[in-house]
Amino acid sequence: MQIYADPITVNCRKVLAGLQLMGAPYELVHVDYFKAEQKSDDYVALNPMSSLPALKDGDFVLWESNAILQYAADKFNASAHYPHDLKTRADINRWLLWESSSWFPSSYLFLVENCVKPLLGGAPDQAVLDAQMATFHKLAGILDKRLQSNKWIAGTAEPTIADIAIAAPMHLHGWQQLPLSGYANIRRWMFEDIEKLPCWENTWVGEGFITKKASA
């Protein structure tokens, strides 16, 4: 099973961390995001969306990061992280759809304005950030309320692919300057639980979109 990805991006880190959480073996095929290799003819033939990541399993090709996590969970029977119980799975699927349709776009705007633009020599547009604040706070409030009584999003004993998917758009939260100060449950979940997971530590991304920590 090959994963075409650049580990610095939100959705690529999501998939790599999710696969590691599940213990699913994979081969990483690096596609350099900042060199726009995802727009090359060879890659577009694999993924016509020109987006990262993509999965190739024999002659089967799959794109959309959450679909990749669902496929891998079923392929490797990772039931602890994508349970078969009908209602639990429906709940996880709901949060995966929420992440892709709402949480990712809102969180990603902060990443673009406060991380990507400065890295490329630009400056954040405060008007764009201000316009997004109400939406972000609405979504963060929904997530914070869910985490008030649950260690993990789906109320399971172990983290699920929903936890990894929803954490991924926040993965550079400090440099993104996400306004999280009022959300104690999100902060606990992200800082004390998600960021302590081996799969998260193994897929670390730092300021400047680097993936290797400086040696001590």
N, C-alpha and C. Protein backbone atom coordinates (compact mmCIF):
# COMPACT_ATOMS: atom_id res chain seq x y z
N MET A 1 0.85 -1.19 0.00
CA MET A 1 0.00 0.00 0.00
C MET A 1 0.88 1.24 0.00
N GLN A 2 0.80 2.02 -1.05
CA GLN A 2 1.62 3.22 -1.19
C GLN A 2 0.80 4.46 -0.87
N ILE A 3 1.42 5.39 -0.14
CA ILE A 3 0.79 6.67 0.16
C ILE A 3 1.62 7.77 -0.50
N TYR A 4 1.03 8.46 -1.46
CA TYR A 4 1.67 9.58 -2.15
C TYR A 4 1.36 10.82 -1.32
N ALA A 5 2.39 11.42 -0.72
CA ALA A 5 2.12 12.46 0.26
C ALA A 5 3.35 13.32 0.50
N ASP A 6 3.09 14.49 1.07
CA ASP A 6 4.12 15.33 1.64
C ASP A 6 3.76 15.50 3.11
N PRO A 7 4.54 14.93 4.03
CA PRO A 7 4.17 14.91 5.45
C PRO A 7 3.95 16.29 6.08
N ILE A 8 4.35 17.37 5.40
CA ILE A 8 4.18 18.70 5.99
C ILE A 8 2.74 19.19 5.91
N THR A 9 1.92 18.61 5.04
CA THR A 9 0.58 19.15 4.85
C THR A 9 -0.41 18.54 5.83
N VAL A 10 -1.49 19.24 6.06
CA VAL A 10 -2.51 18.81 7.01
C VAL A 10 -3.02 17.41 6.70
N ASN A 11 -3.51 17.22 5.48
CA ASN A 11 -4.17 15.96 5.16
C ASN A 11 -3.19 14.81 5.00
N CYS A 12 -1.96 15.11 4.64
CA CYS A 12 -0.95 14.05 4.58
C CYS A 12 -0.56 13.62 5.98
N ARG A 13 -0.33 14.59 6.86
CA ARG A 13 -0.02 14.21 8.24
C ARG A 13 -1.18 13.41 8.84
N LYS A 14 -2.39 13.83 8.54
CA LYS A 14 -3.57 13.11 9.03
C LYS A 14 -3.50 11.63 8.65
N VAL A 15 -3.25 11.37 7.38
CA VAL A 15 -3.23 9.99 6.91
C VAL A 15 -2.05 9.21 7.50
N LEU A 16 -0.88 9.81 7.51
CA LEU A 16 0.29 9.10 8.03
C LEU A 16 0.13 8.81 9.52
N ALA A 17 -0.35 9.79 10.29
CA ALA A 17 -0.56 9.56 11.72
C ALA A 17 -1.67 8.54 11.94
N GLY A 18 -2.72 8.61 11.14
CA GLY A 18 -3.81 7.65 11.28
C GLY A 18 -3.37 6.23 10.97
N LEU A 19 -2.59 6.07 9.93
CA LEU A 19 -2.09 4.73 9.58
C LEU A 19 -1.20 4.19 10.69
N GLN A 20 -0.36 5.06 11.24
CA GLN A 20 0.50 4.61 12.33
C GLN A 20 -0.32 4.28 13.58
N LEU A 21 -1.35 5.06 13.87
CA LEU A 21 -2.23 4.76 14.99
C LEU A 21 -2.80 3.35 14.85
N MET A 22 -3.19 3.00 13.63
CA MET A 22 -3.82 1.71 13.37
C MET A 22 -2.82 0.58 13.19
N GLY A 23 -1.54 0.91 13.10
CA GLY A 23 -0.54 -0.12 12.82
C GLY A 23 -0.62 -0.65 11.40
N ALA A 24 -1.09 0.19 10.49
CA ALA A 24 -1.25 -0.22 9.09
C ALA A 24 0.04 0.05 8.33
N PRO A 25 0.63 -0.95 7.72
CA PRO A 25 1.89 -0.76 6.99
C PRO A 25 1.67 0.01 5.69
N TYR A 26 2.63 0.85 5.34
CA TYR A 26 2.53 1.62 4.10
C TYR A 26 3.92 2.00 3.63
N GLU A 27 4.00 2.32 2.35
CA GLU A 27 5.23 2.87 1.75
C GLU A 27 4.95 4.32 1.38
N LEU A 28 5.78 5.24 1.89
CA LEU A 28 5.61 6.66 1.57
C LEU A 28 6.29 6.99 0.26
N VAL A 29 5.53 7.55 -0.67
CA VAL A 29 6.08 8.08 -1.91
C VAL A 29 6.00 9.60 -1.79
N HIS A 30 7.15 10.24 -1.65
CA HIS A 30 7.14 11.67 -1.35
C HIS A 30 6.79 12.49 -2.59
N VAL A 31 5.82 13.38 -2.43
CA VAL A 31 5.40 14.33 -3.46
C VAL A 31 5.57 15.71 -2.84
N ASP A 32 6.49 16.50 -3.36
CA ASP A 32 6.85 17.77 -2.73
C ASP A 32 5.78 18.83 -2.99
N TYR A 33 5.11 19.22 -1.91
CA TYR A 33 4.00 20.17 -2.02
C TYR A 33 4.48 21.55 -2.47
N PHE A 34 5.57 22.03 -1.86
CA PHE A 34 6.02 23.39 -2.18
C PHE A 34 6.67 23.48 -3.56
N LYS A 35 7.04 22.34 -4.15
CA LYS A 35 7.51 22.32 -5.54
C LYS A 35 6.36 22.03 -6.50
N ALA A 36 5.15 21.93 -5.97
CA ALA A 36 3.93 21.70 -6.76
C ALA A 36 3.99 20.41 -7.56
N GLU A 37 4.67 19.41 -7.00
CA GLU A 37 4.75 18.13 -7.70
C GLU A 37 3.39 17.44 -7.80
N GLN A 38 2.45 17.87 -6.97
CA GLN A 38 1.10 17.31 -7.03
C GLN A 38 0.36 17.75 -8.30
N LYS A 39 0.94 18.72 -9.02
CA LYS A 39 0.34 19.18 -10.27
C LYS A 39 1.00 18.57 -11.51
N SER A 40 1.97 17.70 -11.27
CA SER A 40 2.67 17.07 -12.41
C SER A 40 1.73 16.13 -13.15
N ASP A 41 2.03 15.89 -14.40
CA ASP A 41 1.18 15.02 -15.21
C ASP A 41 1.07 13.62 -14.62
N ASP A 42 2.19 13.10 -14.13
CA ASP A 42 2.18 11.75 -13.58
C ASP A 42 1.27 11.66 -12.36
N TYR A 43 1.34 12.68 -11.50
CA TYR A 43 0.51 12.62 -10.29
C TYR A 43 -0.96 12.87 -10.63
N VAL A 44 -1.23 13.80 -11.53
CA VAL A 44 -2.62 14.08 -11.90
C VAL A 44 -3.27 12.85 -12.54
N ALA A 45 -2.47 12.03 -13.21
CA ALA A 45 -3.01 10.79 -13.76
C ALA A 45 -3.45 9.85 -12.64
N LEU A 46 -2.81 9.98 -11.49
CA LEU A 46 -3.18 9.17 -10.32
C LEU A 46 -4.35 9.80 -9.58
N ASN A 47 -4.26 11.12 -9.37
CA ASN A 47 -5.28 11.85 -8.63
C ASN A 47 -5.68 13.09 -9.42
N PRO A 48 -6.79 13.04 -10.13
CA PRO A 48 -7.19 14.17 -10.98
C PRO A 48 -7.51 15.44 -10.20
N MET A 49 -7.64 15.34 -8.87
CA MET A 49 -7.88 16.53 -8.06
C MET A 49 -6.60 17.33 -7.83
N SER A 50 -5.46 16.77 -8.14
CA SER A 50 -4.15 17.42 -7.93
C SER A 50 -3.94 17.77 -6.46
N SER A 51 -4.49 16.97 -5.60
CA SER A 51 -4.38 17.22 -4.16
C SER A 51 -3.65 16.06 -3.49
N LEU A 52 -3.15 16.33 -2.31
CA LEU A 52 -2.45 15.32 -1.53
C LEU A 52 -3.27 14.99 -0.29
N PRO A 53 -3.23 13.71 0.13
CA PRO A 53 -2.49 12.57 -0.38
C PRO A 53 -3.34 11.73 -1.34
N ALA A 54 -2.74 10.63 -1.79
CA ALA A 54 -3.46 9.61 -2.54
C ALA A 54 -2.91 8.25 -2.11
N LEU A 55 -3.75 7.25 -2.22
CA LEU A 55 -3.36 5.88 -1.88
C LEU A 55 -3.41 5.02 -3.13
N LYS A 56 -2.42 4.13 -3.25
CA LYS A 56 -2.43 3.14 -4.33
C LYS A 56 -2.19 1.78 -3.69
N ASP A 57 -3.16 0.91 -3.84
CA ASP A 57 -3.09 -0.43 -3.27
C ASP A 57 -3.31 -1.43 -4.40
N GLY A 58 -2.20 -1.90 -4.98
CA GLY A 58 -2.32 -2.69 -6.20
C GLY A 58 -2.82 -1.81 -7.32
N ASP A 59 -3.91 -2.20 -7.93
CA ASP A 59 -4.47 -1.37 -9.01
C ASP A 59 -5.59 -0.46 -8.52
N PHE A 60 -5.80 -0.43 -7.20
CA PHE A 60 -6.84 0.41 -6.62
C PHE A 60 -6.23 1.74 -6.18
N VAL A 61 -6.85 2.83 -6.62
CA VAL A 61 -6.38 4.17 -6.28
C VAL A 61 -7.51 4.89 -5.53
N LEU A 62 -7.11 5.58 -4.45
CA LEU A 62 -8.10 6.28 -3.64
C LEU A 62 -7.54 7.63 -3.21
N TRP A 63 -8.32 8.68 -3.34
CA TRP A 63 -7.96 9.98 -2.79
C TRP A 63 -9.08 10.44 -1.88
N GLU A 64 -8.84 11.53 -1.16
CA GLU A 64 -9.63 12.04 -0.04
C GLU A 64 -9.10 11.37 1.23
N SER A 65 -8.51 12.20 2.09
CA SER A 65 -7.78 11.69 3.25
C SER A 65 -8.66 10.87 4.19
N ASN A 66 -9.87 11.30 4.44
CA ASN A 66 -10.73 10.56 5.36
C ASN A 66 -11.16 9.22 4.76
N ALA A 67 -11.37 9.19 3.47
CA ALA A 67 -11.70 7.92 2.81
C ALA A 67 -10.52 6.95 2.90
N ILE A 68 -9.31 7.47 2.80
CA ILE A 68 -8.12 6.63 2.93
C ILE A 68 -8.06 6.02 4.33
N LEU A 69 -8.34 6.82 5.35
CA LEU A 69 -8.34 6.29 6.72
C LEU A 69 -9.41 5.22 6.90
N GLN A 70 -10.58 5.44 6.37
CA GLN A 70 -11.66 4.45 6.48
C GLN A 70 -11.28 3.15 5.76
N TYR A 71 -10.72 3.28 4.59
CA TYR A 71 -10.32 2.10 3.82
C TYR A 71 -9.26 1.30 4.57
N ALA A 72 -8.23 1.99 5.06
CA ALA A 72 -7.15 1.30 5.76
C ALA A 72 -7.66 0.64 7.04
N ALA A 73 -8.56 1.31 7.75
CA ALA A 73 -9.10 0.73 8.98
C ALA A 73 -9.83 -0.57 8.70
N ASP A 74 -10.60 -0.60 7.63
CA ASP A 74 -11.31 -1.83 7.28
C ASP A 74 -10.37 -2.89 6.72
N LYS A 75 -9.42 -2.48 5.92
CA LYS A 75 -8.48 -3.43 5.32
C LYS A 75 -7.68 -4.16 6.39
N PHE A 76 -7.27 -3.43 7.43
CA PHE A 76 -6.44 -4.02 8.48
C PHE A 76 -7.23 -4.31 9.76
N ASN A 77 -8.56 -4.25 9.66
CA ASN A 77 -9.44 -4.57 10.78
C ASN A 77 -9.04 -3.83 12.06
N ALA A 78 -8.85 -2.53 11.93
CA ALA A 78 -8.45 -1.70 13.07
C ALA A 78 -9.70 -1.28 13.84
N SER A 79 -10.38 -2.26 14.41
CA SER A 79 -11.68 -1.99 15.02
C SER A 79 -11.60 -1.13 16.28
N ALA A 80 -10.45 -1.11 16.93
CA ALA A 80 -10.32 -0.24 18.11
C ALA A 80 -10.36 1.23 17.71
N HIS A 81 -9.94 1.53 16.48
CA HIS A 81 -9.83 2.90 16.03
C HIS A 81 -10.90 3.29 15.00
N TYR A 82 -11.67 2.30 14.55
CA TYR A 82 -12.83 2.54 13.68
C TYR A 82 -13.83 1.42 13.96
N PRO A 83 -14.50 1.50 15.12
CA PRO A 83 -15.34 0.39 15.58
C PRO A 83 -16.44 0.01 14.60
N HIS A 84 -16.85 -1.27 14.67
CA HIS A 84 -17.90 -1.77 13.79
C HIS A 84 -19.30 -1.50 14.34
N ASP A 85 -19.41 -1.18 15.63
CA ASP A 85 -20.71 -0.87 16.19
C ASP A 85 -21.40 0.21 15.36
N LEU A 86 -22.64 -0.04 14.97
CA LEU A 86 -23.32 0.81 14.00
C LEU A 86 -23.38 2.27 14.43
N LYS A 87 -23.79 2.53 15.67
CA LYS A 87 -23.97 3.91 16.12
C LYS A 87 -22.62 4.59 16.33
N THR A 88 -21.64 3.86 16.86
CA THR A 88 -20.32 4.45 17.05
C THR A 88 -19.69 4.81 15.72
N ARG A 89 -19.83 3.91 14.75
CA ARG A 89 -19.26 4.20 13.43
C ARG A 89 -19.98 5.36 12.76
N ALA A 90 -21.28 5.43 12.90
CA ALA A 90 -22.02 6.56 12.33
C ALA A 90 -21.57 7.87 12.95
N ASP A 91 -21.31 7.85 14.26
CA ASP A 91 -20.84 9.05 14.95
C ASP A 91 -19.47 9.46 14.42
N ILE A 92 -18.57 8.49 14.27
CA ILE A 92 -17.24 8.79 13.73
C ILE A 92 -17.37 9.35 12.33
N ASN A 93 -18.21 8.72 11.49
CA ASN A 93 -18.39 9.20 10.13
C ASN A 93 -18.93 10.63 10.11
N ARG A 94 -19.83 10.92 11.06
CA ARG A 94 -20.36 12.28 11.17
C ARG A 94 -19.24 13.29 11.42
N TRP A 95 -18.34 12.96 12.36
CA TRP A 95 -17.24 13.86 12.68
C TRP A 95 -16.24 13.97 11.53
N LEU A 96 -16.05 12.89 10.78
CA LEU A 96 -15.17 12.97 9.61
C LEU A 96 -15.75 13.92 8.57
N LEU A 97 -17.05 13.85 8.35
CA LEU A 97 -17.70 14.75 7.40
C LEU A 97 -17.66 16.19 7.91
N TRP A 98 -17.87 16.37 9.20
CA TRP A 98 -17.79 17.70 9.81
C TRP A 98 -16.40 18.29 9.64
N GLU A 99 -15.40 17.45 9.84
CA GLU A 99 -14.02 17.93 9.69
C GLU A 99 -13.77 18.42 8.26
N SER A 100 -14.14 17.62 7.29
CA SER A 100 -13.82 17.98 5.90
C SER A 100 -14.65 19.16 5.40
N SER A 101 -15.90 19.26 5.86
CA SER A 101 -16.78 20.32 5.33
C SER A 101 -16.69 21.63 6.10
N SER A 102 -16.36 21.57 7.40
CA SER A 102 -16.43 22.77 8.23
C SER A 102 -15.14 23.07 8.99
N TRP A 103 -14.65 22.11 9.76
CA TRP A 103 -13.51 22.37 10.64
C TRP A 103 -12.23 22.62 9.86
N PHE A 104 -11.96 21.79 8.85
CA PHE A 104 -10.75 21.99 8.04
C PHE A 104 -10.74 23.37 7.37
N PRO A 105 -11.79 23.77 6.65
CA PRO A 105 -11.73 25.08 5.99
C PRO A 105 -11.48 26.23 6.96
N SER A 106 -12.12 26.17 8.12
CA SER A 106 -11.97 27.27 9.08
C SER A 106 -10.57 27.29 9.68
N SER A 107 -10.09 26.15 10.15
CA SER A 107 -8.75 26.08 10.74
C SER A 107 -7.67 26.36 9.71
N TYR A 108 -7.89 25.90 8.49
CA TYR A 108 -6.88 26.04 7.44
C TYR A 108 -6.66 27.50 7.07
N LEU A 109 -7.70 28.30 7.18
CA LEU A 109 -7.53 29.73 6.88
C LEU A 109 -6.48 30.36 7.80
N PHE A 110 -6.48 29.98 9.08
CA PHE A 110 -5.48 30.50 10.01
C PHE A 110 -4.09 30.00 9.63
N LEU A 111 -4.01 28.76 9.15
CA LEU A 111 -2.71 28.23 8.73
C LEU A 111 -2.18 28.99 7.52
N VAL A 112 -3.04 29.25 6.56
CA VAL A 112 -2.61 29.98 5.35
C VAL A 112 -2.16 31.39 5.70
N GLU A 113 -2.97 32.08 6.49
CA GLU A 113 -2.66 33.48 6.78
C GLU A 113 -1.45 33.63 7.69
N ASN A 114 -1.33 32.80 8.70
CA ASN A 114 -0.29 33.00 9.71
C ASN A 114 0.94 32.13 9.54
N CYS A 115 0.86 31.12 8.68
CA CYS A 115 2.02 30.24 8.47
C CYS A 115 2.52 30.28 7.02
N VAL A 116 1.63 29.97 6.09
CA VAL A 116 2.06 29.85 4.70
C VAL A 116 2.46 31.20 4.12
N LYS A 117 1.63 32.20 4.28
CA LYS A 117 1.94 33.52 3.71
C LYS A 117 3.27 34.07 4.23
N PRO A 118 3.53 34.07 5.54
CA PRO A 118 4.82 34.56 6.03
C PRO A 118 6.00 33.73 5.52
N LEU A 119 5.80 32.42 5.41
CA LEU A 119 6.88 31.56 4.90
C LEU A 119 7.25 31.94 3.46
N LEU A 120 6.25 32.37 2.69
CA LEU A 120 6.47 32.73 1.29
C LEU A 120 6.78 34.22 1.11
N GLY A 121 7.00 34.92 2.23
CA GLY A 121 7.39 36.32 2.15
C GLY A 121 6.24 37.30 2.19
N GLY A 122 5.03 36.82 2.45
CA GLY A 122 3.88 37.70 2.51
C GLY A 122 3.52 38.05 3.94
N ALA A 123 2.33 38.59 4.10
CA ALA A 123 1.85 38.99 5.43
C ALA A 123 0.39 38.55 5.58
N PRO A 124 -0.01 38.22 6.81
CA PRO A 124 -1.41 37.85 7.04
C PRO A 124 -2.35 39.00 6.72
N ASP A 125 -3.53 38.66 6.27
CA ASP A 125 -4.58 39.64 6.01
C ASP A 125 -5.52 39.61 7.22
N GLN A 126 -5.42 40.60 8.08
CA GLN A 126 -6.21 40.60 9.31
C GLN A 126 -7.70 40.64 9.04
N ALA A 127 -8.09 41.27 7.96
CA ALA A 127 -9.52 41.33 7.62
C ALA A 127 -10.07 39.93 7.33
N VAL A 128 -9.25 39.12 6.66
CA VAL A 128 -9.66 37.74 6.37
C VAL A 128 -9.79 36.95 7.66
N LEU A 129 -8.81 37.12 8.57
CA LEU A 129 -8.86 36.42 9.85
C LEU A 129 -10.08 36.88 10.67
N ASP A 130 -10.32 38.16 10.72
CA ASP A 130 -11.45 38.69 11.49
C ASP A 130 -12.78 38.14 10.96
N ALA A 131 -12.88 38.02 9.64
CA ALA A 131 -14.12 37.55 9.04
C ALA A 131 -14.41 36.09 9.37
N GLN A 132 -13.36 35.35 9.71
CA GLN A 132 -13.51 33.93 10.00
C GLN A 132 -13.78 33.64 11.48
N MET A 133 -13.57 34.61 12.34
CA MET A 133 -13.60 34.37 13.78
C MET A 133 -14.93 33.80 14.26
N ALA A 134 -16.04 34.34 13.82
CA ALA A 134 -17.34 33.87 14.30
C ALA A 134 -17.55 32.41 13.94
N THR A 135 -17.20 32.04 12.72
CA THR A 135 -17.34 30.65 12.29
C THR A 135 -16.45 29.73 13.10
N PHE A 136 -15.19 30.14 13.28
CA PHE A 136 -14.27 29.30 14.05
C PHE A 136 -14.78 29.09 15.47
N HIS A 137 -15.24 30.14 16.11
CA HIS A 137 -15.69 30.01 17.49
C HIS A 137 -16.96 29.16 17.59
N LYS A 138 -17.83 29.25 16.61
CA LYS A 138 -19.01 28.37 16.60
C LYS A 138 -18.58 26.91 16.55
N LEU A 139 -17.64 26.60 15.63
CA LEU A 139 -17.19 25.22 15.47
C LEU A 139 -16.40 24.74 16.68
N ALA A 140 -15.52 25.59 17.19
CA ALA A 140 -14.74 25.22 18.36
C ALA A 140 -15.65 24.97 19.56
N GLY A 141 -16.71 25.73 19.68
CA GLY A 141 -17.66 25.51 20.76
C GLY A 141 -18.34 24.15 20.68
N ILE A 142 -18.67 23.74 19.46
CA ILE A 142 -19.29 22.43 19.24
C ILE A 142 -18.32 21.32 19.64
N LEU A 143 -17.07 21.44 19.20
CA LEU A 143 -16.07 20.43 19.52
C LEU A 143 -15.76 20.41 21.01
N ASP A 144 -15.64 21.58 21.61
CA ASP A 144 -15.32 21.67 23.04
C ASP A 144 -16.42 21.02 23.88
N LYS A 145 -17.66 21.23 23.50
CA LYS A 145 -18.78 20.63 24.24
C LYS A 145 -18.73 19.12 24.14
N ARG A 146 -18.42 18.57 22.97
CA ARG A 146 -18.32 17.12 22.82
C ARG A 146 -17.21 16.57 23.73
N LEU A 147 -16.11 17.29 23.82
CA LEU A 147 -14.97 16.81 24.61
C LEU A 147 -15.13 17.06 26.10
N GLN A 148 -16.17 17.73 26.49
CA GLN A 148 -16.40 18.01 27.92
C GLN A 148 -16.58 16.73 28.71
N SER A 149 -17.25 15.75 28.12
CA SER A 149 -17.52 14.49 28.83
C SER A 149 -16.83 13.29 28.18
N ASN A 150 -16.04 13.52 27.16
CA ASN A 150 -15.34 12.44 26.46
C ASN A 150 -13.86 12.73 26.37
N LYS A 151 -13.04 11.75 26.72
CA LYS A 151 -11.60 11.91 26.51
C LYS A 151 -11.32 11.96 25.01
N TRP A 152 -11.92 11.03 24.28
CA TRP A 152 -11.79 10.97 22.82
C TRP A 152 -13.13 11.33 22.20
N ILE A 153 -13.11 11.82 21.00
CA ILE A 153 -14.29 12.42 20.38
C ILE A 153 -15.49 11.49 20.34
N ALA A 154 -15.27 10.22 20.01
CA ALA A 154 -16.40 9.30 19.87
C ALA A 154 -16.77 8.61 21.18
N GLY A 155 -16.17 9.00 22.29
CA GLY A 155 -16.48 8.39 23.57
C GLY A 155 -15.95 6.98 23.72
N THR A 156 -14.95 6.64 22.92
CA THR A 156 -14.36 5.31 22.93
C THR A 156 -13.19 5.24 23.91
N ALA A 157 -12.76 4.02 24.20
CA ALA A 157 -11.63 3.84 25.11
C ALA A 157 -10.32 4.23 24.46
N GLU A 158 -10.25 4.11 23.16
CA GLU A 158 -9.04 4.43 22.41
C GLU A 158 -9.34 5.56 21.42
N PRO A 159 -8.31 6.31 21.01
CA PRO A 159 -8.55 7.33 19.98
C PRO A 159 -8.99 6.67 18.67
N THR A 160 -9.84 7.34 17.94
CA THR A 160 -10.29 6.82 16.66
C THR A 160 -9.75 7.70 15.53
N ILE A 161 -10.07 7.29 14.32
CA ILE A 161 -9.63 8.09 13.18
C ILE A 161 -10.29 9.46 13.18
N ALA A 162 -11.40 9.62 13.90
CA ALA A 162 -12.02 10.95 14.01
C ALA A 162 -11.12 11.89 14.81
N ASP A 163 -10.47 11.39 15.86
CA ASP A 163 -9.57 12.23 16.64
C ASP A 163 -8.40 12.71 15.79
N ILE A 164 -7.82 11.81 15.02
CA ILE A 164 -6.68 12.19 14.18
C ILE A 164 -7.12 13.17 13.10
N ALA A 165 -8.27 12.90 12.49
CA ALA A 165 -8.76 13.77 11.42
C ALA A 165 -9.02 15.19 11.92
N ILE A 166 -9.62 15.31 13.09
CA ILE A 166 -9.98 16.64 13.60
C ILE A 166 -8.78 17.36 14.18
N ALA A 167 -7.81 16.61 14.69
CA ALA A 167 -6.58 17.24 15.20
C ALA A 167 -5.72 17.78 14.06
N ALA A 168 -5.74 17.13 12.91
CA ALA A 168 -4.82 17.47 11.83
C ALA A 168 -4.88 18.93 11.38
N PRO A 169 -6.06 19.52 11.19
CA PRO A 169 -6.08 20.93 10.78
C PRO A 169 -5.53 21.89 11.83
N MET A 170 -5.34 21.38 13.07
CA MET A 170 -4.81 22.19 14.15
C MET A 170 -3.32 21.93 14.38
N HIS A 171 -2.69 21.15 13.51
CA HIS A 171 -1.38 20.58 13.85
C HIS A 171 -0.29 21.63 14.04
N LEU A 172 -0.48 22.82 13.53
CA LEU A 172 0.47 23.91 13.78
C LEU A 172 -0.21 25.02 14.58
N HIS A 173 -1.01 24.62 15.56
CA HIS A 173 -1.90 25.55 16.25
C HIS A 173 -1.18 26.77 16.81
N GLY A 174 0.04 26.61 17.29
CA GLY A 174 0.77 27.75 17.84
C GLY A 174 1.10 28.77 16.78
N TRP A 175 1.64 28.31 15.67
CA TRP A 175 2.01 29.22 14.57
C TRP A 175 0.77 29.67 13.79
N GLN A 176 -0.27 28.83 13.79
CA GLN A 176 -1.54 29.24 13.18
C GLN A 176 -2.21 30.37 13.97
N GLN A 177 -1.86 30.45 15.24
CA GLN A 177 -2.49 31.40 16.16
C GLN A 177 -4.00 31.14 16.27
N LEU A 178 -4.32 29.86 16.40
CA LEU A 178 -5.72 29.51 16.60
C LEU A 178 -6.19 30.06 17.95
N PRO A 179 -7.35 30.69 17.99
CA PRO A 179 -7.84 31.29 19.24
C PRO A 179 -8.49 30.23 20.13
N LEU A 180 -7.66 29.50 20.85
CA LEU A 180 -8.12 28.36 21.65
C LEU A 180 -8.17 28.64 23.15
N SER A 181 -7.87 29.84 23.57
CA SER A 181 -7.74 30.12 25.00
C SER A 181 -9.02 29.84 25.77
N GLY A 182 -10.16 29.98 25.15
CA GLY A 182 -11.42 29.78 25.85
C GLY A 182 -11.97 28.37 25.80
N TYR A 183 -11.16 27.44 25.28
CA TYR A 183 -11.67 26.09 25.06
C TYR A 183 -10.81 25.07 25.80
N ALA A 184 -11.09 24.94 27.09
CA ALA A 184 -10.27 24.09 27.96
C ALA A 184 -10.31 22.63 27.54
N ASN A 185 -11.44 22.17 27.05
CA ASN A 185 -11.54 20.76 26.68
C ASN A 185 -10.76 20.45 25.40
N ILE A 186 -10.81 21.36 24.44
CA ILE A 186 -10.00 21.18 23.23
C ILE A 186 -8.52 21.21 23.59
N ARG A 187 -8.14 22.13 24.44
CA ARG A 187 -6.73 22.25 24.81
C ARG A 187 -6.25 20.99 25.53
N ARG A 188 -7.06 20.45 26.43
CA ARG A 188 -6.69 19.20 27.12
C ARG A 188 -6.52 18.07 26.12
N TRP A 189 -7.52 17.92 25.25
CA TRP A 189 -7.52 16.84 24.25
C TRP A 189 -6.31 16.96 23.32
N MET A 190 -6.05 18.17 22.83
CA MET A 190 -4.96 18.35 21.87
C MET A 190 -3.60 18.28 22.55
N PHE A 191 -3.41 19.02 23.62
CA PHE A 191 -2.08 19.16 24.22
C PHE A 191 -1.69 17.97 25.08
N GLU A 192 -2.67 17.39 25.79
CA GLU A 192 -2.35 16.32 26.74
C GLU A 192 -2.59 14.92 26.19
N ASP A 193 -3.46 14.81 25.21
CA ASP A 193 -3.82 13.49 24.70
C ASP A 193 -3.30 13.25 23.28
N ILE A 194 -3.75 14.05 22.33
CA ILE A 194 -3.33 13.86 20.93
C ILE A 194 -1.81 13.98 20.80
N GLU A 195 -1.25 15.06 21.32
CA GLU A 195 0.17 15.32 21.10
C GLU A 195 1.08 14.38 21.87
N LYS A 196 0.52 13.55 22.74
CA LYS A 196 1.31 12.54 23.44
C LYS A 196 1.26 11.19 22.72
N LEU A 197 0.42 11.04 21.72
CA LEU A 197 0.32 9.78 21.00
C LEU A 197 1.60 9.53 20.20
N PRO A 198 2.15 8.31 20.22
CA PRO A 198 3.35 8.02 19.42
C PRO A 198 3.16 8.33 17.94
N CYS A 199 1.97 8.06 17.40
CA CYS A 199 1.75 8.32 15.97
C CYS A 199 1.83 9.80 15.66
N TRP A 200 1.47 10.65 16.63
CA TRP A 200 1.53 12.09 16.43
C TRP A 200 2.97 12.58 16.56
N GLU A 201 3.66 12.06 17.56
CA GLU A 201 5.06 12.43 17.75
C GLU A 201 5.91 11.99 16.56
N ASN A 202 5.60 10.83 15.99
CA ASN A 202 6.37 10.30 14.86
C ASN A 202 6.15 11.08 13.58
N THR A 203 5.08 11.86 13.52
CA THR A 203 4.77 12.64 12.31
C THR A 203 4.85 14.14 12.60
N TRP A 204 5.71 14.50 13.53
CA TRP A 204 5.86 15.89 13.96
C TRP A 204 6.14 16.83 12.79
N VAL A 205 5.50 17.99 12.84
CA VAL A 205 5.77 19.08 11.90
C VAL A 205 5.98 20.34 12.71
N GLY A 206 7.04 21.08 12.40
CA GLY A 206 7.36 22.28 13.17
C GLY A 206 7.31 23.54 12.35
N GLU A 207 7.65 24.64 13.00
CA GLU A 207 7.64 25.95 12.34
C GLU A 207 8.47 25.90 11.07
N GLY A 208 7.94 26.49 10.00
CA GLY A 208 8.62 26.44 8.71
C GLY A 208 8.34 25.15 7.96
N PHE A 209 7.37 24.36 8.47
CA PHE A 209 7.00 23.09 7.84
C PHE A 209 8.20 22.15 7.72
N ILE A 210 8.89 21.99 8.83
CA ILE A 210 9.99 21.01 8.87
C ILE A 210 9.49 19.77 9.60
N THR A 211 10.07 18.63 9.27
CA THR A 211 9.61 17.36 9.84
C THR A 211 10.71 16.64 10.60
N LYS A 212 11.85 17.30 10.80
CA LYS A 212 12.92 16.70 11.57
C LYS A 212 13.31 17.65 12.70
N LYS A 213 13.22 17.13 13.93
CA LYS A 213 13.59 17.94 15.08
C LYS A 213 15.10 18.06 15.18
N ALA A 214 15.55 19.22 15.65
CA ALA A 214 16.99 19.43 15.83
C ALA A 214 17.49 18.47 16.91
N SER A 215 18.67 17.91 16.69
CA SER A 215 19.24 16.99 17.68
C SER A 215 19.65 17.77 18.91
N ALA A 216 19.56 17.12 20.05
CA ALA A 216 19.89 17.78 21.33
C ALA A 216 21.37 18.08 21.43
